[in-house]
Amino acid sequence: MTTIPKAITVTGTIHADEAVTIAGTVTGDVHASNADITVEPGAHVDGAVTGRTITVRGHSQGRLIAREVVWVRQTARVRADVAAPRIVLEDGALFNGSVEPARTDAALIVAAYRGKTETLAPS
């Protein structure tokens, strides 16, 4: 499991083949299509998040794309478009965005393509 601690800020795209826990700040996309991604309380993510399951307890702004489920926990503040077969919104969570359960497959394909083109782009 990869953890981005509270005192760390990451700017750019993260690609992971294992579970990712974010306690700090990420400005950029997080791709872990076959793993779980957790945004802890107090953490901030500004970008697209793609994972098997996504659990948000902190702040997330961008797009959330999950193969299985997006959990928006009580402490979460989310401003995002969600593409997932299921979404769980706990009482007390703040959510502003849209949910597209029927477009999950297409969203995963687009996210994978964007991740590859970012990796190939010259610096």
PDB file of N, CA and C in Angstrom:
ATOM      1  N   MET A   1       0.840  -1.178   0.000  1.00  0.00           N
ATOM      2  CA  MET A   1       0.000   0.000   0.000  1.00  0.00           C
ATOM      3  C   MET A   1       0.889   1.246   0.000  1.00  0.00           C
ATOM      4  N   THR A   2       0.500   2.231  -0.775  1.00  0.00           N
ATOM      5  CA  THR A   2       1.203   3.508  -0.846  1.00  0.00           C
ATOM      6  C   THR A   2       0.431   4.542  -0.039  1.00  0.00           C
ATOM      7  N   THR A   3       1.141   5.291   0.791  1.00  0.00           N
ATOM      8  CA  THR A   3       0.514   6.337   1.594  1.00  0.00           C
ATOM      9  C   THR A   3       1.182   7.670   1.308  1.00  0.00           C
ATOM     10  N   ILE A   4       0.363   8.679   1.056  1.00  0.00           N
ATOM     11  CA  ILE A   4       0.860  10.046   0.923  1.00  0.00           C
ATOM     12  C   ILE A   4       0.520  10.734   2.240  1.00  0.00           C
ATOM     13  N   PRO A   5       1.537  10.984   3.073  1.00  0.00           N
ATOM     14  CA  PRO A   5       1.288  11.498   4.422  1.00  0.00           C
ATOM     15  C   PRO A   5       0.725  12.917   4.437  1.00  0.00           C
ATOM     16  N   LYS A   6       0.237  13.277   5.602  1.00  0.00           N
ATOM     17  CA  LYS A   6      -0.424  14.561   5.822  1.00  0.00           C
ATOM     18  C   LYS A   6       0.438  15.757   5.417  1.00  0.00           C
ATOM     19  N   ALA A   7       1.710  15.736   5.665  1.00  0.00           N
ATOM     20  CA  ALA A   7       2.573  16.888   5.422  1.00  0.00           C
ATOM     21  C   ALA A   7       3.096  16.963   3.987  1.00  0.00           C
ATOM     22  N   ILE A   8       2.675  16.050   3.120  1.00  0.00           N
ATOM     23  CA  ILE A   8       3.199  15.983   1.756  1.00  0.00           C
ATOM     24  C   ILE A   8       2.181  16.538   0.755  1.00  0.00           C
ATOM     25  N   THR A   9       2.692  17.319  -0.220  1.00  0.00           N
ATOM     26  CA  THR A   9       1.894  17.800  -1.344  1.00  0.00           C
ATOM     27  C   THR A   9       2.497  17.227  -2.616  1.00  0.00           C
ATOM     28  N   VAL A  10       1.667  16.591  -3.426  1.00  0.00           N
ATOM     29  CA  VAL A  10       2.111  16.023  -4.690  1.00  0.00           C
ATOM     30  C   VAL A  10       1.419  16.794  -5.812  1.00  0.00           C
ATOM     31  N   THR A  11       2.207  17.262  -6.780  1.00  0.00           N
ATOM     32  CA  THR A  11       1.666  17.927  -7.954  1.00  0.00           C
ATOM     33  C   THR A  11       2.044  17.080  -9.164  1.00  0.00           C
ATOM     34  N   GLY A  12       1.026  16.593  -9.874  1.00  0.00           N
ATOM     35  CA  GLY A  12       1.269  15.728 -11.021  1.00  0.00           C
ATOM     36  C   GLY A  12       0.396  14.491 -10.951  1.00  0.00           C
ATOM     37  N   THR A  13       0.633  13.574 -11.868  1.00  0.00           N
ATOM     38  CA  THR A  13      -0.184  12.367 -11.965  1.00  0.00           C
ATOM     39  C   THR A  13       0.467  11.227 -11.203  1.00  0.00           C
ATOM     40  N   ILE A  14      -0.347  10.497 -10.452  1.00  0.00           N
ATOM     41  CA  ILE A  14       0.122   9.325  -9.707  1.00  0.00           C
ATOM     42  C   ILE A  14      -0.441   8.086 -10.384  1.00  0.00           C
ATOM     43  N   HIS A  15       0.437   7.130 -10.714  1.00  0.00           N
ATOM     44  CA  HIS A  15       0.028   5.827 -11.243  1.00  0.00           C
ATOM     45  C   HIS A  15       0.443   4.783 -10.222  1.00  0.00           C
ATOM     46  N   ALA A  16      -0.492   3.932  -9.794  1.00  0.00           N
ATOM     47  CA  ALA A  16      -0.177   2.927  -8.784  1.00  0.00           C
ATOM     48  C   ALA A  16      -0.809   1.588  -9.151  1.00  0.00           C
ATOM     49  N   ASP A  17      -0.108   0.509  -8.791  1.00  0.00           N
ATOM     50  CA  ASP A  17      -0.621  -0.844  -8.980  1.00  0.00           C
ATOM     51  C   ASP A  17      -1.062  -1.456  -7.662  1.00  0.00           C
ATOM     52  N   GLU A  18      -1.069  -0.643  -6.606  1.00  0.00           N
ATOM     53  CA  GLU A  18      -1.475  -1.104  -5.281  1.00  0.00           C
ATOM     54  C   GLU A  18      -2.380  -0.056  -4.650  1.00  0.00           C
ATOM     55  N   ALA A  19      -2.949  -0.379  -3.526  1.00  0.00           N
ATOM     56  CA  ALA A  19      -3.842   0.543  -2.826  1.00  0.00           C
ATOM     57  C   ALA A  19      -3.112   1.845  -2.497  1.00  0.00           C
ATOM     58  N   VAL A  20      -3.864   2.958  -2.560  1.00  0.00           N
ATOM     59  CA  VAL A  20      -3.300   4.273  -2.282  1.00  0.00           C
ATOM     60  C   VAL A  20      -4.149   4.948  -1.203  1.00  0.00           C
ATOM     61  N   THR A  21      -3.478   5.434  -0.162  1.00  0.00           N
ATOM     62  CA  THR A  21      -4.139   6.218   0.868  1.00  0.00           C
ATOM     63  C   THR A  21      -3.545   7.615   0.832  1.00  0.00           C
ATOM     64  N   ILE A  22      -4.418   8.619   0.724  1.00  0.00           N
ATOM     65  CA  ILE A  22      -3.972  10.006   0.643  1.00  0.00           C
ATOM     66  C   ILE A  22      -4.392  10.723   1.915  1.00  0.00           C
ATOM     67  N   ALA A  23      -3.406  11.189   2.670  1.00  0.00           N
ATOM     68  CA  ALA A  23      -3.670  11.981   3.866  1.00  0.00           C
ATOM     69  C   ALA A  23      -3.231  13.427   3.656  1.00  0.00           C
ATOM     70  N   GLY A  24      -2.422  13.658   2.621  1.00  0.00           N
ATOM     71  CA  GLY A  24      -1.921  14.989   2.301  1.00  0.00           C
ATOM     72  C   GLY A  24      -2.720  15.642   1.190  1.00  0.00           C
ATOM     73  N   THR A  25      -2.010  16.313   0.278  1.00  0.00           N
ATOM     74  CA  THR A  25      -2.646  17.033  -0.821  1.00  0.00           C
ATOM     75  C   THR A  25      -2.115  16.520  -2.156  1.00  0.00           C
ATOM     76  N   VAL A  26      -3.030  16.264  -3.090  1.00  0.00           N
ATOM     77  CA  VAL A  26      -2.652  15.879  -4.446  1.00  0.00           C
ATOM     78  C   VAL A  26      -3.334  16.835  -5.411  1.00  0.00           C
ATOM     79  N   THR A  27      -2.519  17.496  -6.237  1.00  0.00           N
ATOM     80  CA  THR A  27      -3.041  18.315  -7.317  1.00  0.00           C
ATOM     81  C   THR A  27      -2.657  17.602  -8.598  1.00  0.00           C
ATOM     82  N   GLY A  28      -3.602  16.856  -9.133  1.00  0.00           N
ATOM     83  CA  GLY A  28      -3.352  16.024 -10.302  1.00  0.00           C
ATOM     84  C   GLY A  28      -4.183  14.764 -10.202  1.00  0.00           C
ATOM     85  N   ASP A  29      -4.049  13.906 -11.192  1.00  0.00           N
ATOM     86  CA  ASP A  29      -4.861  12.692 -11.255  1.00  0.00           C
ATOM     87  C   ASP A  29      -4.216  11.541 -10.489  1.00  0.00           C
ATOM     88  N   VAL A  30      -5.064  10.649  -9.982  1.00  0.00           N
ATOM     89  CA  VAL A  30      -4.607   9.452  -9.285  1.00  0.00           C
ATOM     90  C   VAL A  30      -5.204   8.255 -10.016  1.00  0.00           C
ATOM     91  N   HIS A  31      -4.335   7.403 -10.583  1.00  0.00           N
ATOM     92  CA  HIS A  31      -4.781   6.223 -11.324  1.00  0.00           C
ATOM     93  C   HIS A  31      -4.312   4.958 -10.604  1.00  0.00           C
ATOM     94  N   ALA A  32      -5.250   4.179 -10.135  1.00  0.00           N
ATOM     95  CA  ALA A  32      -4.978   2.865  -9.554  1.00  0.00           C
ATOM     96  C   ALA A  32      -6.183   1.990  -9.900  1.00  0.00           C
ATOM     97  N   SER A  33      -6.365   1.755 -11.181  1.00  0.00           N
ATOM     98  CA  SER A  33      -7.585   1.130 -11.707  1.00  0.00           C
ATOM     99  C   SER A  33      -7.951  -0.200 -11.058  1.00  0.00           C
ATOM    100  N   ASN A  34      -6.943  -0.955 -10.620  1.00  0.00           N
ATOM    101  CA  ASN A  34      -7.217  -2.276 -10.041  1.00  0.00           C
ATOM    102  C   ASN A  34      -7.004  -2.312  -8.539  1.00  0.00           C
ATOM    103  N   ALA A  35      -6.999  -1.152  -7.912  1.00  0.00           N
ATOM    104  CA  ALA A  35      -6.740  -1.081  -6.478  1.00  0.00           C
ATOM    105  C   ALA A  35      -7.688  -0.083  -5.816  1.00  0.00           C
ATOM    106  N   ASP A  36      -7.677  -0.085  -4.498  1.00  0.00           N
ATOM    107  CA  ASP A  36      -8.533   0.802  -3.716  1.00  0.00           C
ATOM    108  C   ASP A  36      -7.806   2.116  -3.444  1.00  0.00           C
ATOM    109  N   ILE A  37      -8.574   3.206  -3.458  1.00  0.00           N
ATOM    110  CA  ILE A  37      -8.031   4.535  -3.174  1.00  0.00           C
ATOM    111  C   ILE A  37      -8.846   5.138  -2.037  1.00  0.00           C
ATOM    112  N   THR A  38      -8.135   5.668  -1.034  1.00  0.00           N
ATOM    113  CA  THR A  38      -8.794   6.298   0.110  1.00  0.00           C
ATOM    114  C   THR A  38      -8.272   7.713   0.272  1.00  0.00           C
ATOM    115  N   VAL A  39      -9.197   8.659   0.399  1.00  0.00           N
ATOM    116  CA  VAL A  39      -8.865  10.053   0.693  1.00  0.00           C
ATOM    117  C   VAL A  39      -9.271  10.285   2.147  1.00  0.00           C
ATOM    118  N   GLU A  40      -8.277  10.432   3.001  1.00  0.00           N
ATOM    119  CA  GLU A  40      -8.501  10.519   4.445  1.00  0.00           C
ATOM    120  C   GLU A  40      -9.056  11.882   4.868  1.00  0.00           C
ATOM    121  N   PRO A  41      -9.633  11.976   6.083  1.00  0.00           N
ATOM    122  CA  PRO A  41     -10.103  13.270   6.580  1.00  0.00           C
ATOM    123  C   PRO A  41      -8.952  14.283   6.588  1.00  0.00           C
ATOM    124  N   GLY A  42      -9.216  15.484   6.125  1.00  0.00           N
ATOM    125  CA  GLY A  42      -8.192  16.521   6.073  1.00  0.00           C
ATOM    126  C   GLY A  42      -7.376  16.517   4.787  1.00  0.00           C
ATOM    127  N   ALA A  43      -7.477  15.454   4.020  1.00  0.00           N
ATOM    128  CA  ALA A  43      -6.740  15.369   2.751  1.00  0.00           C
ATOM    129  C   ALA A  43      -7.489  16.138   1.673  1.00  0.00           C
ATOM    130  N   HIS A  44      -6.747  16.556   0.637  1.00  0.00           N
ATOM    131  CA  HIS A  44      -7.329  17.291  -0.489  1.00  0.00           C
ATOM    132  C   HIS A  44      -6.834  16.675  -1.790  1.00  0.00           C
ATOM    133  N   VAL A  45      -7.761  16.378  -2.697  1.00  0.00           N
ATOM    134  CA  VAL A  45      -7.407  15.901  -4.030  1.00  0.00           C
ATOM    135  C   VAL A  45      -8.122  16.784  -5.040  1.00  0.00           C
ATOM    136  N   ASP A  46      -7.340  17.361  -5.947  1.00  0.00           N
ATOM    137  CA  ASP A  46      -7.894  18.186  -7.014  1.00  0.00           C
ATOM    138  C   ASP A  46      -7.476  17.552  -8.333  1.00  0.00           C
ATOM    139  N   GLY A  47      -8.328  16.659  -8.838  1.00  0.00           N
ATOM    140  CA  GLY A  47      -8.039  15.941 -10.073  1.00  0.00           C
ATOM    141  C   GLY A  47      -8.901  14.701 -10.171  1.00  0.00           C
ATOM    142  N   ALA A  48      -8.755  13.983 -11.256  1.00  0.00           N
ATOM    143  CA  ALA A  48      -9.521  12.748 -11.462  1.00  0.00           C
ATOM    144  C   ALA A  48      -8.921  11.619 -10.620  1.00  0.00           C
ATOM    145  N   VAL A  49      -9.789  10.805 -10.047  1.00  0.00           N
ATOM    146  CA  VAL A  49      -9.371   9.648  -9.261  1.00  0.00           C
ATOM    147  C   VAL A  49     -10.002   8.417  -9.899  1.00  0.00           C
ATOM    148  N   THR A  50      -9.167   7.428 -10.247  1.00  0.00           N
ATOM    149  CA  THR A  50      -9.646   6.209 -10.894  1.00  0.00           C
ATOM    150  C   THR A  50      -9.155   5.012 -10.095  1.00  0.00           C
ATOM    151  N   GLY A  51     -10.098   4.170  -9.622  1.00  0.00           N
ATOM    152  CA  GLY A  51      -9.705   3.001  -8.840  1.00  0.00           C
ATOM    153  C   GLY A  51     -10.776   1.930  -8.843  1.00  0.00           C
ATOM    154  N   ARG A  52     -10.466   0.799  -8.212  1.00  0.00           N
ATOM    155  CA  ARG A  52     -11.467  -0.264  -8.077  1.00  0.00           C
ATOM    156  C   ARG A  52     -12.576   0.219  -7.152  1.00  0.00           C
ATOM    157  N   THR A  53     -12.194   0.628  -5.940  1.00  0.00           N
ATOM    158  CA  THR A  53     -13.132   1.305  -5.041  1.00  0.00           C
ATOM    159  C   THR A  53     -12.483   2.605  -4.598  1.00  0.00           C
ATOM    160  N   ILE A  54     -13.314   3.611  -4.392  1.00  0.00           N
ATOM    161  CA  ILE A  54     -12.822   4.913  -3.941  1.00  0.00           C
ATOM    162  C   ILE A  54     -13.599   5.284  -2.688  1.00  0.00           C
ATOM    163  N   THR A  55     -12.868   5.590  -1.622  1.00  0.00           N
ATOM    164  CA  THR A  55     -13.477   6.030  -0.369  1.00  0.00           C
ATOM    165  C   THR A  55     -12.997   7.441  -0.091  1.00  0.00           C
ATOM    166  N   VAL A  56     -13.942   8.371   0.050  1.00  0.00           N
ATOM    167  CA  VAL A  56     -13.578   9.766   0.316  1.00  0.00           C
ATOM    168  C   VAL A  56     -14.073  10.144   1.706  1.00  0.00           C
ATOM    169  N   ARG A  57     -13.116  10.525   2.555  1.00  0.00           N
ATOM    170  CA  ARG A  57     -13.427  11.039   3.885  1.00  0.00           C
ATOM    171  C   ARG A  57     -13.002  12.509   3.989  1.00  0.00           C
ATOM    172  N   GLY A  58     -12.188  12.957   3.037  1.00  0.00           N
ATOM    173  CA  GLY A  58     -11.682  14.328   3.016  1.00  0.00           C
ATOM    174  C   GLY A  58     -12.316  15.121   1.889  1.00  0.00           C
ATOM    175  N   HIS A  59     -11.502  15.929   1.214  1.00  0.00           N
ATOM    176  CA  HIS A  59     -11.984  16.799   0.142  1.00  0.00           C
ATOM    177  C   HIS A  59     -11.530  16.258  -1.206  1.00  0.00           C
ATOM    178  N   SER A  60     -12.449  16.216  -2.154  1.00  0.00           N
ATOM    179  CA  SER A  60     -12.113  15.771  -3.501  1.00  0.00           C
ATOM    180  C   SER A  60     -12.861  16.622  -4.510  1.00  0.00           C
ATOM    181  N   GLN A  61     -12.105  17.102  -5.505  1.00  0.00           N
ATOM    182  CA  GLN A  61     -12.704  17.891  -6.572  1.00  0.00           C
ATOM    183  C   GLN A  61     -12.170  17.351  -7.890  1.00  0.00           C
ATOM    184  N   GLY A  62     -13.070  17.021  -8.794  1.00  0.00           N
ATOM    185  CA  GLY A  62     -12.672  16.447 -10.077  1.00  0.00           C
ATOM    186  C   GLY A  62     -13.628  15.340 -10.468  1.00  0.00           C
ATOM    187  N   ARG A  63     -13.092  14.288 -11.045  1.00  0.00           N
ATOM    188  CA  ARG A  63     -13.909  13.159 -11.474  1.00  0.00           C
ATOM    189  C   ARG A  63     -13.531  11.927 -10.657  1.00  0.00           C
ATOM    190  N   LEU A  64     -14.529  11.174 -10.204  1.00  0.00           N
ATOM    191  CA  LEU A  64     -14.308   9.921  -9.479  1.00  0.00           C
ATOM    192  C   LEU A  64     -14.815   8.778 -10.351  1.00  0.00           C
ATOM    193  N   ILE A  65     -13.917   7.855 -10.726  1.00  0.00           N
ATOM    194  CA  ILE A  65     -14.270   6.737 -11.598  1.00  0.00           C
ATOM    195  C   ILE A  65     -13.877   5.446 -10.886  1.00  0.00           C
ATOM    196  N   ALA A  66     -14.881   4.629 -10.562  1.00  0.00           N
ATOM    197  CA  ALA A  66     -14.615   3.385  -9.828  1.00  0.00           C
ATOM    198  C   ALA A  66     -15.203   2.189 -10.563  1.00  0.00           C
ATOM    199  N   ARG A  67     -14.462   1.084 -10.557  1.00  0.00           N
ATOM    200  CA  ARG A  67     -14.969  -0.159 -11.155  1.00  0.00           C
ATOM    201  C   ARG A  67     -16.115  -0.755 -10.338  1.00  0.00           C
ATOM    202  N   GLU A  68     -16.054  -0.553  -9.007  1.00  0.00           N
ATOM    203  CA  GLU A  68     -17.051  -1.180  -8.121  1.00  0.00           C
ATOM    204  C   GLU A  68     -17.934  -0.177  -7.394  1.00  0.00           C
ATOM    205  N   VAL A  69     -17.336   0.669  -6.551  1.00  0.00           N
ATOM    206  CA  VAL A  69     -18.156   1.554  -5.711  1.00  0.00           C
ATOM    207  C   VAL A  69     -17.366   2.799  -5.301  1.00  0.00           C
ATOM    208  N   VAL A  70     -18.084   3.905  -5.165  1.00  0.00           N
ATOM    209  CA  VAL A  70     -17.543   5.131  -4.566  1.00  0.00           C
ATOM    210  C   VAL A  70     -18.269   5.334  -3.244  1.00  0.00           C
ATOM    211  N   TRP A  71     -17.493   5.421  -2.157  1.00  0.00           N
ATOM    212  CA  TRP A  71     -18.031   5.685  -0.820  1.00  0.00           C
ATOM    213  C   TRP A  71     -17.744   7.138  -0.487  1.00  0.00           C
ATOM    214  N   VAL A  72     -18.788   7.930  -0.228  1.00  0.00           N
ATOM    215  CA  VAL A  72     -18.635   9.319   0.209  1.00  0.00           C
ATOM    216  C   VAL A  72     -19.038   9.326   1.683  1.00  0.00           C
ATOM    217  N   ARG A  73     -18.030   9.338   2.532  1.00  0.00           N
ATOM    218  CA  ARG A  73     -18.246   9.200   3.977  1.00  0.00           C
ATOM    219  C   ARG A  73     -18.722  10.505   4.614  1.00  0.00           C
ATOM    220  N   GLN A  74     -19.150  10.405   5.846  1.00  0.00           N
ATOM    221  CA  GLN A  74     -19.762  11.509   6.580  1.00  0.00           C
ATOM    222  C   GLN A  74     -18.899  12.772   6.598  1.00  0.00           C
ATOM    223  N   THR A  75     -17.592  12.626   6.690  1.00  0.00           N
ATOM    224  CA  THR A  75     -16.694  13.791   6.791  1.00  0.00           C
ATOM    225  C   THR A  75     -16.278  14.346   5.426  1.00  0.00           C
ATOM    226  N   ALA A  76     -16.759  13.749   4.340  1.00  0.00           N
ATOM    227  CA  ALA A  76     -16.317  14.106   2.988  1.00  0.00           C
ATOM    228  C   ALA A  76     -16.954  15.399   2.482  1.00  0.00           C
ATOM    229  N   ARG A  77     -16.179  16.076   1.642  1.00  0.00           N
ATOM    230  CA  ARG A  77     -16.637  17.248   0.901  1.00  0.00           C
ATOM    231  C   ARG A  77     -16.242  16.990  -0.550  1.00  0.00           C
ATOM    232  N   VAL A  78     -17.216  16.645  -1.385  1.00  0.00           N
ATOM    233  CA  VAL A  78     -16.930  16.213  -2.753  1.00  0.00           C
ATOM    234  C   VAL A  78     -17.629  17.118  -3.757  1.00  0.00           C
ATOM    235  N   ARG A  79     -16.851  17.589  -4.727  1.00  0.00           N
ATOM    236  CA  ARG A  79     -17.388  18.320  -5.875  1.00  0.00           C
ATOM    237  C   ARG A  79     -16.841  17.567  -7.081  1.00  0.00           C
ATOM    238  N   ALA A  80     -17.676  16.658  -7.633  1.00  0.00           N
ATOM    239  CA  ALA A  80     -17.158  15.770  -8.674  1.00  0.00           C
ATOM    240  C   ALA A  80     -18.277  15.150  -9.495  1.00  0.00           C
ATOM    241  N   ASP A  81     -17.908  14.708 -10.671  1.00  0.00           N
ATOM    242  CA  ASP A  81     -18.767  13.843 -11.468  1.00  0.00           C
ATOM    243  C   ASP A  81     -18.317  12.421 -11.166  1.00  0.00           C
ATOM    244  N   VAL A  82     -19.267  11.550 -10.872  1.00  0.00           N
ATOM    245  CA  VAL A  82     -18.960  10.184 -10.471  1.00  0.00           C
ATOM    246  C   VAL A  82     -19.429   9.216 -11.549  1.00  0.00           C
ATOM    247  N   ALA A  83     -18.529   8.321 -11.947  1.00  0.00           N
ATOM    248  CA  ALA A  83     -18.877   7.217 -12.842  1.00  0.00           C
ATOM    249  C   ALA A  83     -18.537   5.939 -12.096  1.00  0.00           C
ATOM    250  N   ALA A  84     -19.559   5.223 -11.656  1.00  0.00           N
ATOM    251  CA  ALA A  84     -19.378   3.985 -10.892  1.00  0.00           C
ATOM    252  C   ALA A  84     -20.694   3.210 -10.900  1.00  0.00           C
ATOM    253  N   PRO A  85     -20.613   1.878 -10.821  1.00  0.00           N
ATOM    254  CA  PRO A  85     -21.849   1.096 -10.764  1.00  0.00           C
ATOM    255  C   PRO A  85     -22.667   1.383  -9.503  1.00  0.00           C
ATOM    256  N   ARG A  86     -21.951   1.765  -8.410  1.00  0.00           N
ATOM    257  CA  ARG A  86     -22.634   2.080  -7.143  1.00  0.00           C
ATOM    258  C   ARG A  86     -21.978   3.279  -6.486  1.00  0.00           C
ATOM    259  N   ILE A  87     -22.800   4.056  -5.782  1.00  0.00           N
ATOM    260  CA  ILE A  87     -22.283   5.148  -4.958  1.00  0.00           C
ATOM    261  C   ILE A  87     -23.017   5.092  -3.629  1.00  0.00           C
ATOM    262  N   VAL A  88     -22.262   5.263  -2.537  1.00  0.00           N
ATOM    263  CA  VAL A  88     -22.843   5.293  -1.200  1.00  0.00           C
ATOM    264  C   VAL A  88     -22.542   6.661  -0.621  1.00  0.00           C
ATOM    265  N   LEU A  89     -23.602   7.384  -0.289  1.00  0.00           N
ATOM    266  CA  LEU A  89     -23.486   8.734   0.248  1.00  0.00           C
ATOM    267  C   LEU A  89     -23.983   8.706   1.686  1.00  0.00           C
ATOM    268  N   GLU A  90     -23.064   8.868   2.634  1.00  0.00           N
ATOM    269  CA  GLU A  90     -23.435   8.823   4.046  1.00  0.00           C
ATOM    270  C   GLU A  90     -24.081  10.130   4.491  1.00  0.00           C
ATOM    271  N   ASP A  91     -24.938  10.024   5.485  1.00  0.00           N
ATOM    272  CA  ASP A  91     -25.580  11.182   6.081  1.00  0.00           C
ATOM    273  C   ASP A  91     -24.507  12.132   6.615  1.00  0.00           C
ATOM    274  N   GLY A  92     -24.590  13.391   6.250  1.00  0.00           N
ATOM    275  CA  GLY A  92     -23.624  14.392   6.706  1.00  0.00           C
ATOM    276  C   GLY A  92     -22.574  14.740   5.665  1.00  0.00           C
ATOM    277  N   ALA A  93     -22.386  13.887   4.677  1.00  0.00           N
ATOM    278  CA  ALA A  93     -21.414  14.172   3.619  1.00  0.00           C
ATOM    279  C   ALA A  93     -21.946  15.282   2.719  1.00  0.00           C
ATOM    280  N   LEU A  94     -21.054  16.088   2.176  1.00  0.00           N
ATOM    281  CA  LEU A  94     -21.445  17.110   1.219  1.00  0.00           C
ATOM    282  C   LEU A  94     -21.041  16.644  -0.173  1.00  0.00           C
ATOM    283  N   PHE A  95     -21.997  16.610  -1.084  1.00  0.00           N
ATOM    284  CA  PHE A  95     -21.741  16.158  -2.453  1.00  0.00           C
ATOM    285  C   PHE A  95     -22.379  17.132  -3.426  1.00  0.00           C
ATOM    286  N   ASN A  96     -21.585  17.607  -4.382  1.00  0.00           N
ATOM    287  CA  ASN A  96     -22.079  18.470  -5.442  1.00  0.00           C
ATOM    288  C   ASN A  96     -21.506  17.926  -6.742  1.00  0.00           C
ATOM    289  N   GLY A  97     -22.366  17.387  -7.594  1.00  0.00           N
ATOM    290  CA  GLY A  97     -21.891  16.820  -8.847  1.00  0.00           C
ATOM    291  C   GLY A  97     -22.957  15.962  -9.483  1.00  0.00           C
ATOM    292  N   SER A  98     -22.512  15.066 -10.351  1.00  0.00           N
ATOM    293  CA  SER A  98     -23.441  14.162 -11.019  1.00  0.00           C
ATOM    294  C   SER A  98     -22.967  12.731 -10.876  1.00  0.00           C
ATOM    295  N   VAL A  99     -23.907  11.798 -11.056  1.00  0.00           N
ATOM    296  CA  VAL A  99     -23.605  10.371 -10.960  1.00  0.00           C
ATOM    297  C   VAL A  99     -24.029   9.716 -12.262  1.00  0.00           C
ATOM    298  N   GLU A 100     -23.107   8.966 -12.872  1.00  0.00           N
ATOM    299  CA  GLU A 100     -23.373   8.297 -14.140  1.00  0.00           C
ATOM    300  C   GLU A 100     -23.039   6.810 -14.029  1.00  0.00           C
ATOM    301  N   PRO A 101     -23.941   5.999 -13.474  1.00  0.00           N
ATOM    302  CA  PRO A 101     -23.633   4.577 -13.309  1.00  0.00           C
ATOM    303  C   PRO A 101     -23.539   3.818 -14.631  1.00  0.00           C
ATOM    304  N   ALA A 102     -24.233   4.248 -15.662  1.00  0.00           N
ATOM    305  CA  ALA A 102     -24.244   3.532 -16.934  1.00  0.00           C
ATOM    306  C   ALA A 102     -22.991   3.803 -17.769  1.00  0.00           C
ATOM    307  N   ARG A 103     -22.210   4.796 -17.423  1.00  0.00           N
ATOM    308  CA  ARG A 103     -21.058   5.178 -18.239  1.00  0.00           C
ATOM    309  C   ARG A 103     -19.721   4.758 -17.628  1.00  0.00           C
ATOM    310  N   THR A 104     -19.728   3.840 -16.687  1.00  0.00           N
ATOM    311  CA  THR A 104     -18.507   3.446 -16.002  1.00  0.00           C
ATOM    312  C   THR A 104     -17.471   2.868 -16.951  1.00  0.00           C
ATOM    313  N   ASP A 105     -17.865   1.930 -17.818  1.00  0.00           N
ATOM    314  CA  ASP A 105     -16.907   1.303 -18.739  1.00  0.00           C
ATOM    315  C   ASP A 105     -16.249   2.328 -19.645  1.00  0.00           C
ATOM    316  N   ALA A 106     -17.037   3.226 -20.213  1.00  0.00           N
ATOM    317  CA  ALA A 106     -16.488   4.255 -21.093  1.00  0.00           C
ATOM    318  C   ALA A 106     -15.550   5.184 -20.320  1.00  0.00           C
ATOM    319  N   ALA A 107     -15.912   5.546 -19.105  1.00  0.00           N
ATOM    320  CA  ALA A 107     -15.074   6.431 -18.299  1.00  0.00           C
ATOM    321  C   ALA A 107     -13.738   5.771 -17.964  1.00  0.00           C
ATOM    322  N   LEU A 108     -13.745   4.468 -17.686  1.00  0.00           N
ATOM    323  CA  LEU A 108     -12.499   3.750 -17.391  1.00  0.00           C
ATOM    324  C   LEU A 108     -11.591   3.715 -18.618  1.00  0.00           C
ATOM    325  N   ILE A 109     -12.151   3.505 -19.784  1.00  0.00           N
ATOM    326  CA  ILE A 109     -11.359   3.474 -21.024  1.00  0.00           C
ATOM    327  C   ILE A 109     -10.725   4.842 -21.283  1.00  0.00           C
ATOM    328  N   VAL A 110     -11.506   5.905 -21.126  1.00  0.00           N
ATOM    329  CA  VAL A 110     -10.982   7.257 -21.329  1.00  0.00           C
ATOM    330  C   VAL A 110      -9.889   7.570 -20.309  1.00  0.00           C
ATOM    331  N   ALA A 111     -10.107   7.209 -19.043  1.00  0.00           N
ATOM    332  CA  ALA A 111      -9.104   7.472 -18.005  1.00  0.00           C
ATOM    333  C   ALA A 111      -7.809   6.723 -18.303  1.00  0.00           C
ATOM    334  N   ALA A 112      -7.899   5.472 -18.742  1.00  0.00           N
ATOM    335  CA  ALA A 112      -6.708   4.699 -19.087  1.00  0.00           C
ATOM    336  C   ALA A 112      -5.968   5.343 -20.255  1.00  0.00           C
ATOM    337  N   TYR A 113      -6.700   5.788 -21.260  1.00  0.00           N
ATOM    338  CA  TYR A 113      -6.094   6.437 -22.420  1.00  0.00           C
ATOM    339  C   TYR A 113      -5.386   7.726 -22.009  1.00  0.00           C
ATOM    340  N   ARG A 114      -6.047   8.536 -21.206  1.00  0.00           N
ATOM    341  CA  ARG A 114      -5.443   9.793 -20.760  1.00  0.00           C
ATOM    342  C   ARG A 114      -4.185   9.531 -19.948  1.00  0.00           C
ATOM    343  N   GLY A 115      -4.214   8.504 -19.101  1.00  0.00           N
ATOM    344  CA  GLY A 115      -3.044   8.149 -18.308  1.00  0.00           C
ATOM    345  C   GLY A 115      -1.869   7.748 -19.172  1.00  0.00           C
ATOM    346  N   LYS A 116      -2.129   7.006 -20.253  1.00  0.00           N
ATOM    347  CA  LYS A 116      -1.061   6.584 -21.169  1.00  0.00           C
ATOM    348  C   LYS A 116      -0.499   7.764 -21.937  1.00  0.00           C
ATOM    349  N   THR A 117      -1.359   8.659 -22.403  1.00  0.00           N
ATOM    350  CA  THR A 117      -0.870   9.797 -23.190  1.00  0.00           C
ATOM    351  C   THR A 117      -0.083  10.767 -22.318  1.00  0.00           C
ATOM    352  N   GLU A 118      -0.446  10.895 -21.037  1.00  0.00           N
ATOM    353  CA  GLU A 118       0.324  11.752 -20.135  1.00  0.00           C
ATOM    354  C   GLU A 118       1.702  11.158 -19.896  1.00  0.00           C
ATOM    355  N   THR A 119       1.769   9.827 -19.795  1.00  0.00           N
ATOM    356  CA  THR A 119       3.037   9.158 -19.568  1.00  0.00           C
ATOM    357  C   THR A 119       3.959   9.307 -20.780  1.00  0.00           C
ATOM    358  N   LEU A 120       3.384   9.288 -21.974  1.00  0.00           N
ATOM    359  CA  LEU A 120       4.161   9.361 -23.199  1.00  0.00           C
ATOM    360  C   LEU A 120       4.527  10.779 -23.606  1.00  0.00           C
ATOM    361  N   ALA A 121       3.832  11.760 -23.077  1.00  0.00           N
ATOM    362  CA  ALA A 121       4.066  13.154 -23.478  1.00  0.00           C
ATOM    363  C   ALA A 121       5.464  13.604 -23.061  1.00  0.00           C
ATOM    364  N   PRO A 122       6.177  14.335 -23.950  1.00  0.00           N
ATOM    365  CA  PRO A 122       7.506  14.834 -23.585  1.00  0.00           C
ATOM    366  C   PRO A 122       7.422  15.891 -22.502  1.00  0.00           C
ATOM    367  N   SER A 123       8.422  15.924 -21.660  1.00  0.00           N
ATOM    368  CA  SER A 123       8.443  16.919 -20.566  1.00  0.00           C
ATOM    369  C   SER A 123       9.043  18.213 -20.989  1.00  0.00           C
TER     370      SER A 123
END
